[in-house]
Amino acid sequence: MHTITYIQALELVDQAALDNRLYHHNGGQAYIRVSMDSNVLMVIDHSGLIPEIDMMDGTDYFKAYPNYNWEHSKRLREHGSLADWFKSNYPERITV
């Protein structure tokens, strides 16, 4: 099993927002389209200390929520980087 750090998980969410691939974010879970020419849905749960990532077929999800990527990506970009916020507020946990 491979693991990623908490910061790496937040950086994935940040990058998805920059690329307009973030379909949902509620502060603890992010739904990301792996690429705009793919129907792979990546769900990142960063509500705990160790992020959990699931990959699944997102065909039905993307049909049910078309264009959600524009609003959710824009909203996160307007609020700023999750990774930068975490680094500035929890510098002692950057390796987590």
C-alpha atoms as a PDB file:
ATOM      1  CA  MET A   1       0.000   0.000   0.000  1.00  0.00           C
ATOM      2  CA  HIS A   2       1.209   3.503  -0.803  1.00  0.00           C
ATOM      3  CA  THR A   3       0.325   6.484   1.323  1.00  0.00           C
ATOM      4  CA  ILE A   4       0.516  10.208   0.752  1.00  0.00           C
ATOM      5  CA  THR A   5       0.932  12.987   3.267  1.00  0.00           C
ATOM      6  CA  TYR A   6      -1.844  15.302   4.360  1.00  0.00           C
ATOM      7  CA  ILE A   7      -0.151  18.175   2.498  1.00  0.00           C
ATOM      8  CA  GLN A   8       0.069  16.093  -0.691  1.00  0.00           C
ATOM      9  CA  ALA A   9      -3.658  15.384  -0.471  1.00  0.00           C
ATOM     10  CA  LEU A  10      -4.436  19.098  -0.086  1.00  0.00           C
ATOM     11  CA  GLU A  11      -2.111  19.905  -2.983  1.00  0.00           C
ATOM     12  CA  LEU A  12      -4.066  17.458  -5.166  1.00  0.00           C
ATOM     13  CA  VAL A  13      -7.292  19.279  -4.273  1.00  0.00           C
ATOM     14  CA  ASP A  14      -5.677  22.675  -4.946  1.00  0.00           C
ATOM     15  CA  GLN A  15      -4.384  21.542  -8.348  1.00  0.00           C
ATOM     16  CA  ALA A  16      -7.769  20.102  -9.299  1.00  0.00           C
ATOM     17  CA  ALA A  17      -9.366  23.479  -8.527  1.00  0.00           C
ATOM     18  CA  LEU A  18      -6.776  25.264 -10.676  1.00  0.00           C
ATOM     19  CA  ASP A  19      -7.578  22.873 -13.546  1.00  0.00           C
ATOM     20  CA  ASN A  20     -11.386  23.082 -13.054  1.00  0.00           C
ATOM     21  CA  ARG A  21     -11.553  19.380 -12.156  1.00  0.00           C
ATOM     22  CA  LEU A  22     -12.916  19.797  -8.599  1.00  0.00           C
ATOM     23  CA  TYR A  23     -16.576  18.724  -8.591  1.00  0.00           C
ATOM     24  CA  HIS A  24     -17.263  18.843  -4.871  1.00  0.00           C
ATOM     25  CA  HIS A  25     -15.514  19.945  -1.690  1.00  0.00           C
ATOM     26  CA  ASN A  26     -17.119  20.156   1.720  1.00  0.00           C
ATOM     27  CA  GLY A  27     -14.056  20.815   3.845  1.00  0.00           C
ATOM     28  CA  GLY A  28     -13.312  17.146   4.434  1.00  0.00           C
ATOM     29  CA  GLN A  29     -13.959  15.338   1.166  1.00  0.00           C
ATOM     30  CA  ALA A  30     -13.084  16.322  -2.373  1.00  0.00           C
ATOM     31  CA  TYR A  31     -14.475  14.783  -5.561  1.00  0.00           C
ATOM     32  CA  ILE A  32     -12.033  15.208  -8.410  1.00  0.00           C
ATOM     33  CA  ARG A  33     -12.131  14.224 -12.059  1.00  0.00           C
ATOM     34  CA  VAL A  34      -8.739  12.684 -12.739  1.00  0.00           C
ATOM     35  CA  SER A  35      -8.638  14.287 -16.194  1.00  0.00           C
ATOM     36  CA  MET A  36     -11.240  16.018 -18.311  1.00  0.00           C
ATOM     37  CA  ASP A  37     -11.041  13.283 -20.956  1.00  0.00           C
ATOM     38  CA  SER A  38     -11.595  10.495 -18.430  1.00  0.00           C
ATOM     39  CA  ASN A  39     -14.539   9.352 -16.320  1.00  0.00           C
ATOM     40  CA  VAL A  40     -12.348   8.352 -13.384  1.00  0.00           C
ATOM     41  CA  LEU A  41     -13.523   9.943 -10.133  1.00  0.00           C
ATOM     42  CA  MET A  42     -11.025  10.356  -7.303  1.00  0.00           C
ATOM     43  CA  VAL A  43     -12.504  10.898  -3.849  1.00  0.00           C
ATOM     44  CA  ILE A  44     -10.072  12.305  -1.297  1.00  0.00           C
ATOM     45  CA  ASP A  45     -11.175  12.182   2.321  1.00  0.00           C
ATOM     46  CA  HIS A  46      -8.911  14.512   4.295  1.00  0.00           C
ATOM     47  CA  SER A  47     -11.126  14.756   7.354  1.00  0.00           C
ATOM     48  CA  GLY A  48      -8.696  12.676   9.422  1.00  0.00           C
ATOM     49  CA  LEU A  49      -4.953  12.808   9.988  1.00  0.00           C
ATOM     50  CA  ILE A  50      -4.263  10.266   7.259  1.00  0.00           C
ATOM     51  CA  PRO A  51      -5.934  11.019   3.921  1.00  0.00           C
ATOM     52  CA  GLU A  52      -7.903   8.254   2.223  1.00  0.00           C
ATOM     53  CA  ILE A  53      -8.220   8.129  -1.542  1.00  0.00           C
ATOM     54  CA  ASP A  54     -10.702   6.073  -3.528  1.00  0.00           C
ATOM     55  CA  MET A  55     -10.840   5.794  -7.310  1.00  0.00           C
ATOM     56  CA  MET A  56     -13.998   4.762  -9.098  1.00  0.00           C
ATOM     57  CA  ASP A  57     -15.949   4.982 -12.320  1.00  0.00           C
ATOM     58  CA  GLY A  58     -17.510   8.432 -12.259  1.00  0.00           C
ATOM     59  CA  THR A  59     -19.622   8.150 -15.423  1.00  0.00           C
ATOM     60  CA  ASP A  60     -22.952   8.365 -13.589  1.00  0.00           C
ATOM     61  CA  TYR A  61     -21.657  11.007 -11.175  1.00  0.00           C
ATOM     62  CA  PHE A  62     -20.479  13.315 -13.973  1.00  0.00           C
ATOM     63  CA  LYS A  63     -23.819  12.891 -15.777  1.00  0.00           C
ATOM     64  CA  ALA A  64     -25.746  13.714 -12.610  1.00  0.00           C
ATOM     65  CA  TYR A  65     -23.620  16.772 -11.778  1.00  0.00           C
ATOM     66  CA  PRO A  66     -22.579  18.353 -15.065  1.00  0.00           C
ATOM     67  CA  ASN A  67     -20.639  21.590 -14.792  1.00  0.00           C
ATOM     68  CA  TYR A  68     -20.283  21.323 -10.992  1.00  0.00           C
ATOM     69  CA  ASN A  69     -16.539  21.500 -11.631  1.00  0.00           C
ATOM     70  CA  TRP A  70     -16.767  25.175 -12.620  1.00  0.00           C
ATOM     71  CA  GLU A  71     -18.500  26.350  -9.450  1.00  0.00           C
ATOM     72  CA  HIS A  72     -16.596  24.217  -6.932  1.00  0.00           C
ATOM     73  CA  SER A  73     -13.228  24.893  -8.558  1.00  0.00           C
ATOM     74  CA  LYS A  74     -13.911  28.632  -8.680  1.00  0.00           C
ATOM     75  CA  ARG A  75     -15.065  28.720  -5.056  1.00  0.00           C
ATOM     76  CA  LEU A  76     -11.925  27.002  -3.782  1.00  0.00           C
ATOM     77  CA  ARG A  77      -9.670  29.247  -5.874  1.00  0.00           C
ATOM     78  CA  GLU A  78     -11.416  32.315  -4.427  1.00  0.00           C
ATOM     79  CA  HIS A  79     -10.859  31.084  -0.864  1.00  0.00           C
ATOM     80  CA  GLY A  80      -7.207  30.266  -1.456  1.00  0.00           C
ATOM     81  CA  SER A  81      -4.958  27.252  -1.308  1.00  0.00           C
ATOM     82  CA  LEU A  82      -5.838  24.550   1.211  1.00  0.00           C
ATOM     83  CA  ALA A  83      -2.209  23.459   1.421  1.00  0.00           C
ATOM     84  CA  ASP A  84      -0.981  27.008   2.090  1.00  0.00           C
ATOM     85  CA  TRP A  85      -3.631  27.524   4.768  1.00  0.00           C
ATOM     86  CA  PHE A  86      -2.670  24.268   6.485  1.00  0.00           C
ATOM     87  CA  LYS A  87       1.054  25.101   6.342  1.00  0.00           C
ATOM     88  CA  SER A  88       0.504  28.534   7.887  1.00  0.00           C
ATOM     89  CA  ASN A  89      -1.861  27.301  10.609  1.00  0.00           C
ATOM     90  CA  TYR A  90      -0.254  23.949  11.470  1.00  0.00           C
ATOM     91  CA  PRO A  91       3.473  24.197  10.637  1.00  0.00           C
ATOM     92  CA  GLU A  92       4.284  21.490  13.183  1.00  0.00           C
ATOM     93  CA  ARG A  93       2.213  18.979  11.189  1.00  0.00           C
ATOM     94  CA  ILE A  94       3.592  19.590   7.695  1.00  0.00           C
ATOM     95  CA  THR A  95       5.109  16.092   7.519  1.00  0.00           C
ATOM     96  CA  VAL A  96       1.735  14.499   8.361  1.00  0.00           C
END
